[in-house]
Amino acid sequence: MESMAIAGARPLGEYVDHYVIYEDGTAGHLQVLEGQEPTLSRPGRFVSRDAYSDRLGELQAATAVHVAELEAGDQARHETDYAALLGAGVPEETARRMSGLGQAGHGRH
């Protein structure tokens, strides 16, 4: 498909990528038009694409660890609730349902 041009209009130019690691440790990727100076919304420093990729990998790994910890805590709570319900005389199927144990995304099936 051909691009349409407007008479008298000039192309805007190419986008240039800039990579940032902010003071709080988060990473950012900015695109600005060639020749324009990127501005940061908060304190940080411009870094190479490799440094950005490394930091992004670190953040993703830390997030995976955090999610695993949350899931383990949830599993432990489900198992504790299930055991307490069984101890109170609640039938097994009902105890599983009430505790969330064995439900999709919650513990063993």
PDB file of N, CA and C in Angstrom:
ATOM      1  N   MET A   1       0.845  -1.167   0.000  1.00  0.00           N
ATOM      2  CA  MET A   1       0.000   0.000   0.000  1.00  0.00           C
ATOM      3  C   MET A   1       0.896   1.238   0.000  1.00  0.00           C
ATOM      4  N   GLU A   2       0.575   2.180  -0.839  1.00  0.00           N
ATOM      5  CA  GLU A   2       1.342   3.427  -0.916  1.00  0.00           C
ATOM      6  C   GLU A   2       0.941   4.339   0.230  1.00  0.00           C
ATOM      7  N   SER A   3       1.928   5.082   0.741  1.00  0.00           N
ATOM      8  CA  SER A   3       1.590   6.041   1.782  1.00  0.00           C
ATOM      9  C   SER A   3       1.072   7.309   1.126  1.00  0.00           C
ATOM     10  N   MET A   4       0.176   7.952   1.824  1.00  0.00           N
ATOM     11  CA  MET A   4      -0.422   9.160   1.287  1.00  0.00           C
ATOM     12  C   MET A   4       0.330  10.373   1.821  1.00  0.00           C
ATOM     13  N   ALA A   5       0.650  11.315   0.972  1.00  0.00           N
ATOM     14  CA  ALA A   5       1.351  12.522   1.399  1.00  0.00           C
ATOM     15  C   ALA A   5       0.410  13.709   1.292  1.00  0.00           C
ATOM     16  N   ILE A   6       0.561  14.620   2.223  1.00  0.00           N
ATOM     17  CA  ILE A   6      -0.229  15.845   2.192  1.00  0.00           C
ATOM     18  C   ILE A   6       0.661  16.935   1.610  1.00  0.00           C
ATOM     19  N   ALA A   7       0.123  17.665   0.664  1.00  0.00           N
ATOM     20  CA  ALA A   7       0.906  18.703  -0.010  1.00  0.00           C
ATOM     21  C   ALA A   7       1.462  19.694   1.005  1.00  0.00           C
ATOM     22  N   GLY A   8       2.771  19.928   0.934  1.00  0.00           N
ATOM     23  CA  GLY A   8       3.419  20.898   1.807  1.00  0.00           C
ATOM     24  C   GLY A   8       3.829  20.347   3.164  1.00  0.00           C
ATOM     25  N   ALA A   9       3.441  19.119   3.478  1.00  0.00           N
ATOM     26  CA  ALA A   9       3.802  18.534   4.775  1.00  0.00           C
ATOM     27  C   ALA A   9       5.117  17.786   4.646  1.00  0.00           C
ATOM     28  N   ARG A  10       5.939  17.902   5.681  1.00  0.00           N
ATOM     29  CA  ARG A  10       7.199  17.166   5.691  1.00  0.00           C
ATOM     30  C   ARG A  10       7.047  15.968   6.618  1.00  0.00           C
ATOM     31  N   PRO A  11       7.740  14.883   6.304  1.00  0.00           N
ATOM     32  CA  PRO A  11       7.699  13.739   7.221  1.00  0.00           C
ATOM     33  C   PRO A  11       8.257  14.150   8.585  1.00  0.00           C
ATOM     34  N   LEU A  12       7.713  13.566   9.622  1.00  0.00           N
ATOM     35  CA  LEU A  12       8.139  13.917  10.979  1.00  0.00           C
ATOM     36  C   LEU A  12       9.553  13.459  11.281  1.00  0.00           C
ATOM     37  N   GLY A  13       9.978  12.375  10.713  1.00  0.00           N
ATOM     38  CA  GLY A  13      11.299  11.846  10.997  1.00  0.00           C
ATOM     39  C   GLY A  13      11.205  10.480  11.636  1.00  0.00           C
ATOM     40  N   GLU A  14      12.332   9.972  11.998  1.00  0.00           N
ATOM     41  CA  GLU A  14      12.416   8.640  12.602  1.00  0.00           C
ATOM     42  C   GLU A  14      12.395   8.748  14.113  1.00  0.00           C
ATOM     43  N   TYR A  15      11.891   7.702  14.742  1.00  0.00           N
ATOM     44  CA  TYR A  15      11.945   7.627  16.191  1.00  0.00           C
ATOM     45  C   TYR A  15      13.295   7.069  16.635  1.00  0.00           C
ATOM     46  N   VAL A  16      13.781   7.593  17.745  1.00  0.00           N
ATOM     47  CA  VAL A  16      15.036   7.148  18.338  1.00  0.00           C
ATOM     48  C   VAL A  16      14.713   6.589  19.720  1.00  0.00           C
ATOM     49  N   ASP A  17      15.283   5.443  20.035  1.00  0.00           N
ATOM     50  CA  ASP A  17      15.056   4.803  21.328  1.00  0.00           C
ATOM     51  C   ASP A  17      16.048   5.323  22.362  1.00  0.00           C
ATOM     52  N   HIS A  18      15.545   5.530  23.572  1.00  0.00           N
ATOM     53  CA  HIS A  18      16.380   5.901  24.718  1.00  0.00           C
ATOM     54  C   HIS A  18      15.969   4.998  25.873  1.00  0.00           C
ATOM     55  N   TYR A  19      16.943   4.594  26.665  1.00  0.00           N
ATOM     56  CA  TYR A  19      16.700   3.675  27.777  1.00  0.00           C
ATOM     57  C   TYR A  19      17.103   4.358  29.078  1.00  0.00           C
ATOM     58  N   VAL A  20      16.311   4.119  30.118  1.00  0.00           N
ATOM     59  CA  VAL A  20      16.491   4.827  31.379  1.00  0.00           C
ATOM     60  C   VAL A  20      16.405   3.844  32.535  1.00  0.00           C
ATOM     61  N   ILE A  21      17.220   4.080  33.546  1.00  0.00           N
ATOM     62  CA  ILE A  21      17.023   3.429  34.839  1.00  0.00           C
ATOM     63  C   ILE A  21      16.767   4.569  35.819  1.00  0.00           C
ATOM     64  N   TYR A  22      15.592   4.526  36.423  1.00  0.00           N
ATOM     65  CA  TYR A  22      15.187   5.584  37.342  1.00  0.00           C
ATOM     66  C   TYR A  22      15.807   5.368  38.715  1.00  0.00           C
ATOM     67  N   GLU A  23      15.821   6.419  39.527  1.00  0.00           N
ATOM     68  CA  GLU A  23      16.420   6.351  40.863  1.00  0.00           C
ATOM     69  C   GLU A  23      15.796   5.265  41.738  1.00  0.00           C
ATOM     70  N   ASP A  24      14.510   4.956  41.499  1.00  0.00           N
ATOM     71  CA  ASP A  24      13.848   3.926  42.314  1.00  0.00           C
ATOM     72  C   ASP A  24      14.149   2.511  41.820  1.00  0.00           C
ATOM     73  N   GLY A  25      14.991   2.397  40.771  1.00  0.00           N
ATOM     74  CA  GLY A  25      15.398   1.089  40.262  1.00  0.00           C
ATOM     75  C   GLY A  25      14.568   0.572  39.111  1.00  0.00           C
ATOM     76  N   THR A  26      13.464   1.233  38.796  1.00  0.00           N
ATOM     77  CA  THR A  26      12.659   0.787  37.666  1.00  0.00           C
ATOM     78  C   THR A  26      13.340   1.194  36.362  1.00  0.00           C
ATOM     79  N   ALA A  27      12.929   0.551  35.279  1.00  0.00           N
ATOM     80  CA  ALA A  27      13.529   0.796  33.971  1.00  0.00           C
ATOM     81  C   ALA A  27      12.489   1.376  33.026  1.00  0.00           C
ATOM     82  N   GLY A  28      12.942   2.190  32.106  1.00  0.00           N
ATOM     83  CA  GLY A  28      12.030   2.787  31.138  1.00  0.00           C
ATOM     84  C   GLY A  28      12.622   2.816  29.746  1.00  0.00           C
ATOM     85  N   HIS A  29      11.727   2.808  28.774  1.00  0.00           N
ATOM     86  CA  HIS A  29      12.101   2.871  27.364  1.00  0.00           C
ATOM     87  C   HIS A  29      11.312   4.026  26.759  1.00  0.00           C
ATOM     88  N   LEU A  30      12.008   4.998  26.211  1.00  0.00           N
ATOM     89  CA  LEU A  30      11.379   6.170  25.607  1.00  0.00           C
ATOM     90  C   LEU A  30      11.679   6.197  24.118  1.00  0.00           C
ATOM     91  N   GLN A  31      10.741   6.713  23.350  1.00  0.00           N
ATOM     92  CA  GLN A  31      10.978   6.962  21.932  1.00  0.00           C
ATOM     93  C   GLN A  31      10.660   8.424  21.667  1.00  0.00           C
ATOM     94  N   VAL A  32      11.595   9.101  21.043  1.00  0.00           N
ATOM     95  CA  VAL A  32      11.388  10.496  20.664  1.00  0.00           C
ATOM     96  C   VAL A  32      11.782  10.651  19.203  1.00  0.00           C
ATOM     97  N   LEU A  33      11.278  11.688  18.597  1.00  0.00           N
ATOM     98  CA  LEU A  33      11.646  11.953  17.215  1.00  0.00           C
ATOM     99  C   LEU A  33      13.118  12.344  17.137  1.00  0.00           C
ATOM    100  N   GLU A  34      13.746  11.872  16.108  1.00  0.00           N
ATOM    101  CA  GLU A  34      15.162  12.164  15.874  1.00  0.00           C
ATOM    102  C   GLU A  34      15.392  13.672  15.962  1.00  0.00           C
ATOM    103  N   GLY A  35      16.432  14.046  16.700  1.00  0.00           N
ATOM    104  CA  GLY A  35      16.752  15.463  16.855  1.00  0.00           C
ATOM    105  C   GLY A  35      16.098  16.097  18.068  1.00  0.00           C
ATOM    106  N   GLN A  36      15.181  15.399  18.703  1.00  0.00           N
ATOM    107  CA  GLN A  36      14.521  15.922  19.899  1.00  0.00           C
ATOM    108  C   GLN A  36      15.234  15.395  21.136  1.00  0.00           C
ATOM    109  N   GLU A  37      15.236  16.180  22.202  1.00  0.00           N
ATOM    110  CA  GLU A  37      15.840  15.759  23.457  1.00  0.00           C
ATOM    111  C   GLU A  37      14.768  15.076  24.314  1.00  0.00           C
ATOM    112  N   PRO A  38      15.048  13.864  24.774  1.00  0.00           N
ATOM    113  CA  PRO A  38      14.072  13.205  25.642  1.00  0.00           C
ATOM    114  C   PRO A  38      14.078  13.860  27.025  1.00  0.00           C
ATOM    115  N   THR A  39      12.924  13.925  27.646  1.00  0.00           N
ATOM    116  CA  THR A  39      12.826  14.447  29.006  1.00  0.00           C
ATOM    117  C   THR A  39      12.293  13.348  29.904  1.00  0.00           C
ATOM    118  N   LEU A  40      12.852  13.295  31.093  1.00  0.00           N
ATOM    119  CA  LEU A  40      12.439  12.284  32.056  1.00  0.00           C
ATOM    120  C   LEU A  40      11.342  12.843  32.954  1.00  0.00           C
ATOM    121  N   SER A  41      10.384  11.999  33.293  1.00  0.00           N
ATOM    122  CA  SER A  41       9.279  12.418  34.147  1.00  0.00           C
ATOM    123  C   SER A  41       9.663  12.411  35.618  1.00  0.00           C
ATOM    124  N   ARG A  42      10.772  11.764  35.936  1.00  0.00           N
ATOM    125  CA  ARG A  42      11.274  11.702  37.317  1.00  0.00           C
ATOM    126  C   ARG A  42      12.777  11.438  37.251  1.00  0.00           C
ATOM    127  N   PRO A  43      13.480  11.577  38.375  1.00  0.00           N
ATOM    128  CA  PRO A  43      14.937  11.422  38.340  1.00  0.00           C
ATOM    129  C   PRO A  43      15.380  10.034  37.877  1.00  0.00           C
ATOM    130  N   GLY A  44      16.372  10.027  37.016  1.00  0.00           N
ATOM    131  CA  GLY A  44      16.925   8.790  36.488  1.00  0.00           C
ATOM    132  C   GLY A  44      18.110   9.104  35.604  1.00  0.00           C
ATOM    133  N   ARG A  45      18.651   8.055  35.004  1.00  0.00           N
ATOM    134  CA  ARG A  45      19.802   8.251  34.119  1.00  0.00           C
ATOM    135  C   ARG A  45      19.619   7.432  32.846  1.00  0.00           C
ATOM    136  N   PHE A  46      20.109   7.977  31.747  1.00  0.00           N
ATOM    137  CA  PHE A  46      20.069   7.267  30.479  1.00  0.00           C
ATOM    138  C   PHE A  46      21.151   6.197  30.487  1.00  0.00           C
ATOM    139  N   VAL A  47      20.807   5.030  29.954  1.00  0.00           N
ATOM    140  CA  VAL A  47      21.739   3.902  29.924  1.00  0.00           C
ATOM    141  C   VAL A  47      21.699   3.258  28.540  1.00  0.00           C
ATOM    142  N   SER A  48      22.627   2.349  28.314  1.00  0.00           N
ATOM    143  CA  SER A  48      22.656   1.624  27.034  1.00  0.00           C
ATOM    144  C   SER A  48      21.504   0.623  26.983  1.00  0.00           C
ATOM    145  N   ARG A  49      21.219   0.156  25.787  1.00  0.00           N
ATOM    146  CA  ARG A  49      20.176  -0.866  25.629  1.00  0.00           C
ATOM    147  C   ARG A  49      20.526  -2.126  26.432  1.00  0.00           C
ATOM    148  N   ASP A  50      21.806  -2.499  26.449  1.00  0.00           N
ATOM    149  CA  ASP A  50      22.228  -3.682  27.201  1.00  0.00           C
ATOM    150  C   ASP A  50      22.002  -3.505  28.697  1.00  0.00           C
ATOM    151  N   ALA A  51      22.343  -2.326  29.229  1.00  0.00           N
ATOM    152  CA  ALA A  51      22.128  -2.066  30.661  1.00  0.00           C
ATOM    153  C   ALA A  51      20.638  -2.098  30.985  1.00  0.00           C
ATOM    154  N   TYR A  52      19.825  -1.542  30.090  1.00  0.00           N
ATOM    155  CA  TYR A  52      18.366  -1.570  30.253  1.00  0.00           C
ATOM    156  C   TYR A  52      17.866  -3.015  30.248  1.00  0.00           C
ATOM    157  N   SER A  53      18.326  -3.815  29.287  1.00  0.00           N
ATOM    158  CA  SER A  53      17.903  -5.217  29.191  1.00  0.00           C
ATOM    159  C   SER A  53      18.314  -6.004  30.425  1.00  0.00           C
ATOM    160  N   ASP A  54      19.519  -5.748  30.918  1.00  0.00           N
ATOM    161  CA  ASP A  54      19.982  -6.419  32.141  1.00  0.00           C
ATOM    162  C   ASP A  54      19.082  -6.066  33.323  1.00  0.00           C
ATOM    163  N   ARG A  55      18.774  -4.780  33.468  1.00  0.00           N
ATOM    164  CA  ARG A  55      17.932  -4.347  34.591  1.00  0.00           C
ATOM    165  C   ARG A  55      16.523  -4.919  34.456  1.00  0.00           C
ATOM    166  N   LEU A  56      15.994  -4.939  33.248  1.00  0.00           N
ATOM    167  CA  LEU A  56      14.665  -5.492  33.017  1.00  0.00           C
ATOM    168  C   LEU A  56      14.638  -6.970  33.399  1.00  0.00           C
ATOM    169  N   GLY A  57      15.694  -7.703  33.057  1.00  0.00           N
ATOM    170  CA  GLY A  57      15.793  -9.112  33.441  1.00  0.00           C
ATOM    171  C   GLY A  57      15.821  -9.281  34.951  1.00  0.00           C
ATOM    172  N   GLU A  58      16.554  -8.398  35.637  1.00  0.00           N
ATOM    173  CA  GLU A  58      16.601  -8.451  37.106  1.00  0.00           C
ATOM    174  C   GLU A  58      15.214  -8.204  37.701  1.00  0.00           C
ATOM    175  N   LEU A  59      14.504  -7.219  37.157  1.00  0.00           N
ATOM    176  CA  LEU A  59      13.161  -6.903  37.657  1.00  0.00           C
ATOM    177  C   LEU A  59      12.190  -8.053  37.408  1.00  0.00           C
ATOM    178  N   GLN A  60      12.293  -8.689  36.246  1.00  0.00           N
ATOM    179  CA  GLN A  60      11.419  -9.819  35.933  1.00  0.00           C
ATOM    180  C   GLN A  60      11.708 -11.000  36.854  1.00  0.00           C
ATOM    181  N   ALA A  61      12.980 -11.247  37.141  1.00  0.00           N
ATOM    182  CA  ALA A  61      13.349 -12.336  38.051  1.00  0.00           C
ATOM    183  C   ALA A  61      12.837 -12.054  39.462  1.00  0.00           C
ATOM    184  N   ALA A  62      12.975 -10.807  39.917  1.00  0.00           N
ATOM    185  CA  ALA A  62      12.490 -10.436  41.246  1.00  0.00           C
ATOM    186  C   ALA A  62      10.970 -10.569  41.325  1.00  0.00           C
ATOM    187  N   THR A  63      10.288 -10.222  40.255  1.00  0.00           N
ATOM    188  CA  THR A  63       8.829 -10.364  40.223  1.00  0.00           C
ATOM    189  C   THR A  63       8.431 -11.826  40.292  1.00  0.00           C
ATOM    190  N   ALA A  64       9.147 -12.692  39.575  1.00  0.00           N
ATOM    191  CA  ALA A  64       8.843 -14.126  39.595  1.00  0.00           C
ATOM    192  C   ALA A  64       9.036 -14.698  40.998  1.00  0.00           C
ATOM    193  N   VAL A  65      10.085 -14.269  41.689  1.00  0.00           N
ATOM    194  CA  VAL A  65      10.326 -14.730  43.064  1.00  0.00           C
ATOM    195  C   VAL A  65       9.195 -14.257  43.970  1.00  0.00           C
ATOM    196  N   HIS A  66       8.796 -13.007  43.828  1.00  0.00           N
ATOM    197  CA  HIS A  66       7.724 -12.449  44.654  1.00  0.00           C
ATOM    198  C   HIS A  66       6.406 -13.193  44.423  1.00  0.00           C
ATOM    199  N   VAL A  67       6.078 -13.451  43.164  1.00  0.00           N
ATOM    200  CA  VAL A  67       4.851 -14.181  42.843  1.00  0.00           C
ATOM    201  C   VAL A  67       4.897 -15.588  43.436  1.00  0.00           C
ATOM    202  N   ALA A  68       6.038 -16.258  43.343  1.00  0.00           N
ATOM    203  CA  ALA A  68       6.178 -17.599  43.917  1.00  0.00           C
ATOM    204  C   ALA A  68       5.976 -17.567  45.431  1.00  0.00           C
ATOM    205  N   GLU A  69       6.507 -16.537  46.090  1.00  0.00           N
ATOM    206  CA  GLU A  69       6.317 -16.394  47.536  1.00  0.00           C
ATOM    207  C   GLU A  69       4.848 -16.187  47.882  1.00  0.00           C
ATOM    208  N   LEU A  70       4.163 -15.345  47.106  1.00  0.00           N
ATOM    209  CA  LEU A  70       2.733 -15.110  47.337  1.00  0.00           C
ATOM    210  C   LEU A  70       1.928 -16.392  47.146  1.00  0.00           C
ATOM    211  N   GLU A  71       2.242 -17.130  46.088  1.00  0.00           N
ATOM    212  CA  GLU A  71       1.530 -18.382  45.818  1.00  0.00           C
ATOM    213  C   GLU A  71       1.780 -19.405  46.917  1.00  0.00           C
ATOM    214  N   ALA A  72       3.006 -19.480  47.422  1.00  0.00           N
ATOM    215  CA  ALA A  72       3.316 -20.412  48.510  1.00  0.00           C
ATOM    216  C   ALA A  72       2.542 -20.030  49.764  1.00  0.00           C
ATOM    217  N   GLY A  73       2.442 -18.748  50.047  1.00  0.00           N
ATOM    218  CA  GLY A  73       1.662 -18.288  51.193  1.00  0.00           C
ATOM    219  C   GLY A  73       0.191 -18.622  51.045  1.00  0.00           C
ATOM    220  N   ASP A  74      -0.332 -18.428  49.838  1.00  0.00           N
ATOM    221  CA  ASP A  74      -1.728 -18.784  49.575  1.00  0.00           C
ATOM    222  C   ASP A  74      -1.951 -20.273  49.782  1.00  0.00           C
ATOM    223  N   GLN A  75      -1.034 -21.084  49.261  1.00  0.00           N
ATOM    224  CA  GLN A  75      -1.150 -22.536  49.389  1.00  0.00           C
ATOM    225  C   GLN A  75      -1.164 -22.932  50.867  1.00  0.00           C
ATOM    226  N   ALA A  76      -0.276 -22.351  51.642  1.00  0.00           N
ATOM    227  CA  ALA A  76      -0.209 -22.670  53.074  1.00  0.00           C
ATOM    228  C   ALA A  76      -1.508 -22.292  53.775  1.00  0.00           C
ATOM    229  N   ARG A  77      -2.064 -21.135  53.429  1.00  0.00           N
ATOM    230  CA  ARG A  77      -3.341 -20.717  54.031  1.00  0.00           C
ATOM    231  C   ARG A  77      -4.473 -21.662  53.646  1.00  0.00           C
ATOM    232  N   HIS A  78      -4.512 -22.070  52.386  1.00  0.00           N
ATOM    233  CA  HIS A  78      -5.549 -23.012  51.939  1.00  0.00           C
ATOM    234  C   HIS A  78      -5.445 -24.327  52.713  1.00  0.00           C
ATOM    235  N   GLU A  79      -4.217 -24.815  52.853  1.00  0.00           N
ATOM    236  CA  GLU A  79      -4.020 -26.089  53.561  1.00  0.00           C
ATOM    237  C   GLU A  79      -4.390 -25.969  55.042  1.00  0.00           C
ATOM    238  N   THR A  80      -4.026 -24.846  55.670  1.00  0.00           N
ATOM    239  CA  THR A  80      -4.374 -24.622  57.080  1.00  0.00           C
ATOM    240  C   THR A  80      -5.889 -24.538  57.252  1.00  0.00           C
ATOM    241  N   ASP A  81      -6.549 -23.790  56.371  1.00  0.00           N
ATOM    242  CA  ASP A  81      -8.013 -23.673  56.444  1.00  0.00           C
ATOM    243  C   ASP A  81      -8.675 -25.024  56.219  1.00  0.00           C
ATOM    244  N   TYR A  82      -8.177 -25.773  55.256  1.00  0.00           N
ATOM    245  CA  TYR A  82      -8.726 -27.106  54.950  1.00  0.00           C
ATOM    246  C   TYR A  82      -8.606 -28.017  56.168  1.00  0.00           C
ATOM    247  N   ALA A  83      -7.430 -28.042  56.788  1.00  0.00           N
ATOM    248  CA  ALA A  83      -7.225 -28.896  57.963  1.00  0.00           C
ATOM    249  C   ALA A  83      -8.153 -28.482  59.111  1.00  0.00           C
ATOM    250  N   ALA A  84      -8.311 -27.183  59.299  1.00  0.00           N
ATOM    251  CA  ALA A  84      -9.183 -26.695  60.371  1.00  0.00           C
ATOM    252  C   ALA A  84     -10.637 -27.080  60.106  1.00  0.00           C
ATOM    253  N   LEU A  85     -11.057 -26.972  58.870  1.00  0.00           N
ATOM    254  CA  LEU A  85     -12.433 -27.341  58.525  1.00  0.00           C
ATOM    255  C   LEU A  85     -12.670 -28.836  58.728  1.00  0.00           C
ATOM    256  N   LEU A  86     -11.689 -29.653  58.303  1.00  0.00           N
ATOM    257  CA  LEU A  86     -11.814 -31.093  58.532  1.00  0.00           C
ATOM    258  C   LEU A  86     -11.881 -31.388  60.029  1.00  0.00           C
ATOM    259  N   GLY A  87     -11.040 -30.700  60.807  1.00  0.00           N
ATOM    260  CA  GLY A  87     -11.016 -30.888  62.252  1.00  0.00           C
ATOM    261  C   GLY A  87     -12.318 -30.487  62.919  1.00  0.00           C
ATOM    262  N   ALA A  88     -13.045 -29.575  62.277  1.00  0.00           N
ATOM    263  CA  ALA A  88     -14.333 -29.134  62.813  1.00  0.00           C
ATOM    264  C   ALA A  88     -15.478 -30.026  62.355  1.00  0.00           C
ATOM    265  N   GLY A  89     -15.135 -31.070  61.598  1.00  0.00           N
ATOM    266  CA  GLY A  89     -16.157 -32.012  61.168  1.00  0.00           C
ATOM    267  C   GLY A  89     -16.822 -31.687  59.840  1.00  0.00           C
ATOM    268  N   VAL A  90     -16.293 -30.736  59.117  1.00  0.00           N
ATOM    269  CA  VAL A  90     -16.851 -30.400  57.801  1.00  0.00           C
ATOM    270  C   VAL A  90     -16.448 -31.495  56.824  1.00  0.00           C
ATOM    271  N   PRO A  91     -17.414 -31.993  56.015  1.00  0.00           N
ATOM    272  CA  PRO A  91     -17.081 -33.034  55.034  1.00  0.00           C
ATOM    273  C   PRO A  91     -15.953 -32.576  54.093  1.00  0.00           C
ATOM    274  N   GLU A  92     -15.155 -33.547  53.641  1.00  0.00           N
ATOM    275  CA  GLU A  92     -13.960 -33.252  52.841  1.00  0.00           C
ATOM    276  C   GLU A  92     -14.254 -32.387  51.621  1.00  0.00           C
ATOM    277  N   GLU A  93     -15.249 -32.744  50.832  1.00  0.00           N
ATOM    278  CA  GLU A  93     -15.554 -31.985  49.610  1.00  0.00           C
ATOM    279  C   GLU A  93     -15.921 -30.544  49.951  1.00  0.00           C
ATOM    280  N   THR A  94     -16.705 -30.366  50.984  1.00  0.00           N
ATOM    281  CA  THR A  94     -17.106 -29.019  51.402  1.00  0.00           C
ATOM    282  C   THR A  94     -15.900 -28.257  51.943  1.00  0.00           C
ATOM    283  N   ALA A  95     -15.043 -28.932  52.715  1.00  0.00           N
ATOM    284  CA  ALA A  95     -13.847 -28.293  53.263  1.00  0.00           C
ATOM    285  C   ALA A  95     -12.921 -27.834  52.142  1.00  0.00           C
ATOM    286  N   ARG A  96     -12.787 -28.634  51.101  1.00  0.00           N
ATOM    287  CA  ARG A  96     -11.951 -28.236  49.959  1.00  0.00           C
ATOM    288  C   ARG A  96     -12.520 -26.982  49.299  1.00  0.00           C
ATOM    289  N   ARG A  97     -13.823 -26.989  49.091  1.00  0.00           N
ATOM    290  CA  ARG A  97     -14.459 -25.853  48.427  1.00  0.00           C
ATOM    291  C   ARG A  97     -14.350 -24.596  49.296  1.00  0.00           C
ATOM    292  N   MET A  98     -14.631 -24.726  50.587  1.00  0.00           N
ATOM    293  CA  MET A  98     -14.602 -23.569  51.487  1.00  0.00           C
ATOM    294  C   MET A  98     -13.189 -23.012  51.675  1.00  0.00           C
ATOM    295  N   SER A  99     -12.203 -23.883  51.676  1.00  0.00           N
ATOM    296  CA  SER A  99     -10.821 -23.435  51.890  1.00  0.00           C
ATOM    297  C   SER A  99     -10.151 -22.954  50.614  1.00  0.00           C
ATOM    298  N   GLY A 100     -10.731 -23.310  49.471  1.00  0.00           N
ATOM    299  CA  GLY A 100     -10.111 -22.962  48.194  1.00  0.00           C
ATOM    300  C   GLY A 100      -9.062 -23.964  47.760  1.00  0.00           C
ATOM    301  N   LEU A 101      -8.833 -24.990  48.564  1.00  0.00           N
ATOM    302  CA  LEU A 101      -7.829 -25.991  48.232  1.00  0.00           C
ATOM    303  C   LEU A 101      -8.303 -26.823  47.049  1.00  0.00           C
ATOM    304  N   GLY A 102      -7.451 -26.937  46.039  1.00  0.00           N
ATOM    305  CA  GLY A 102      -7.779 -27.757  44.881  1.00  0.00           C
ATOM    306  C   GLY A 102      -8.559 -27.025  43.804  1.00  0.00           C
ATOM    307  N   GLN A 103      -8.845 -25.742  44.013  1.00  0.00           N
ATOM    308  CA  GLN A 103      -9.541 -24.985  42.986  1.00  0.00           C
ATOM    309  C   GLN A 103      -8.527 -24.445  41.975  1.00  0.00           C
ATOM    310  N   ALA A 104      -8.986 -24.146  40.801  1.00  0.00           N
ATOM    311  CA  ALA A 104      -8.097 -23.644  39.745  1.00  0.00           C
ATOM    312  C   ALA A 104      -7.290 -22.470  40.279  1.00  0.00           C
ATOM    313  N   GLY A 105      -5.971 -22.582  40.175  1.00  0.00           N
ATOM    314  CA  GLY A 105      -5.092 -21.519  40.636  1.00  0.00           C
ATOM    315  C   GLY A 105      -4.832 -21.546  42.130  1.00  0.00           C
ATOM    316  N   HIS A 106      -5.411 -22.515  42.842  1.00  0.00           N
ATOM    317  CA  HIS A 106      -5.258 -22.576  44.298  1.00  0.00           C
ATOM    318  C   HIS A 106      -4.845 -23.977  44.711  1.00  0.00           C
ATOM    319  N   GLY A 107      -3.576 -24.198  44.802  1.00  0.00           N
ATOM    320  CA  GLY A 107      -3.092 -25.445  45.406  1.00  0.00           C
ATOM    321  C   GLY A 107      -3.278 -26.664  44.537  1.00  0.00           C
ATOM    322  N   ARG A 108      -3.217 -27.811  45.204  1.00  0.00           N
ATOM    323  CA  ARG A 108      -3.288 -29.100  44.504  1.00  0.00           C
ATOM    324  C   ARG A 108      -4.680 -29.340  43.978  1.00  0.00           C
ATOM    325  N   HIS A 109      -4.751 -30.116  42.869  1.00  0.00           N
ATOM    326  CA  HIS A 109      -6.041 -30.447  42.264  1.00  0.00           C
ATOM    327  C   HIS A 109      -6.379 -31.894  42.515  1.00  0.00           C
TER     328      HIS A 109
END
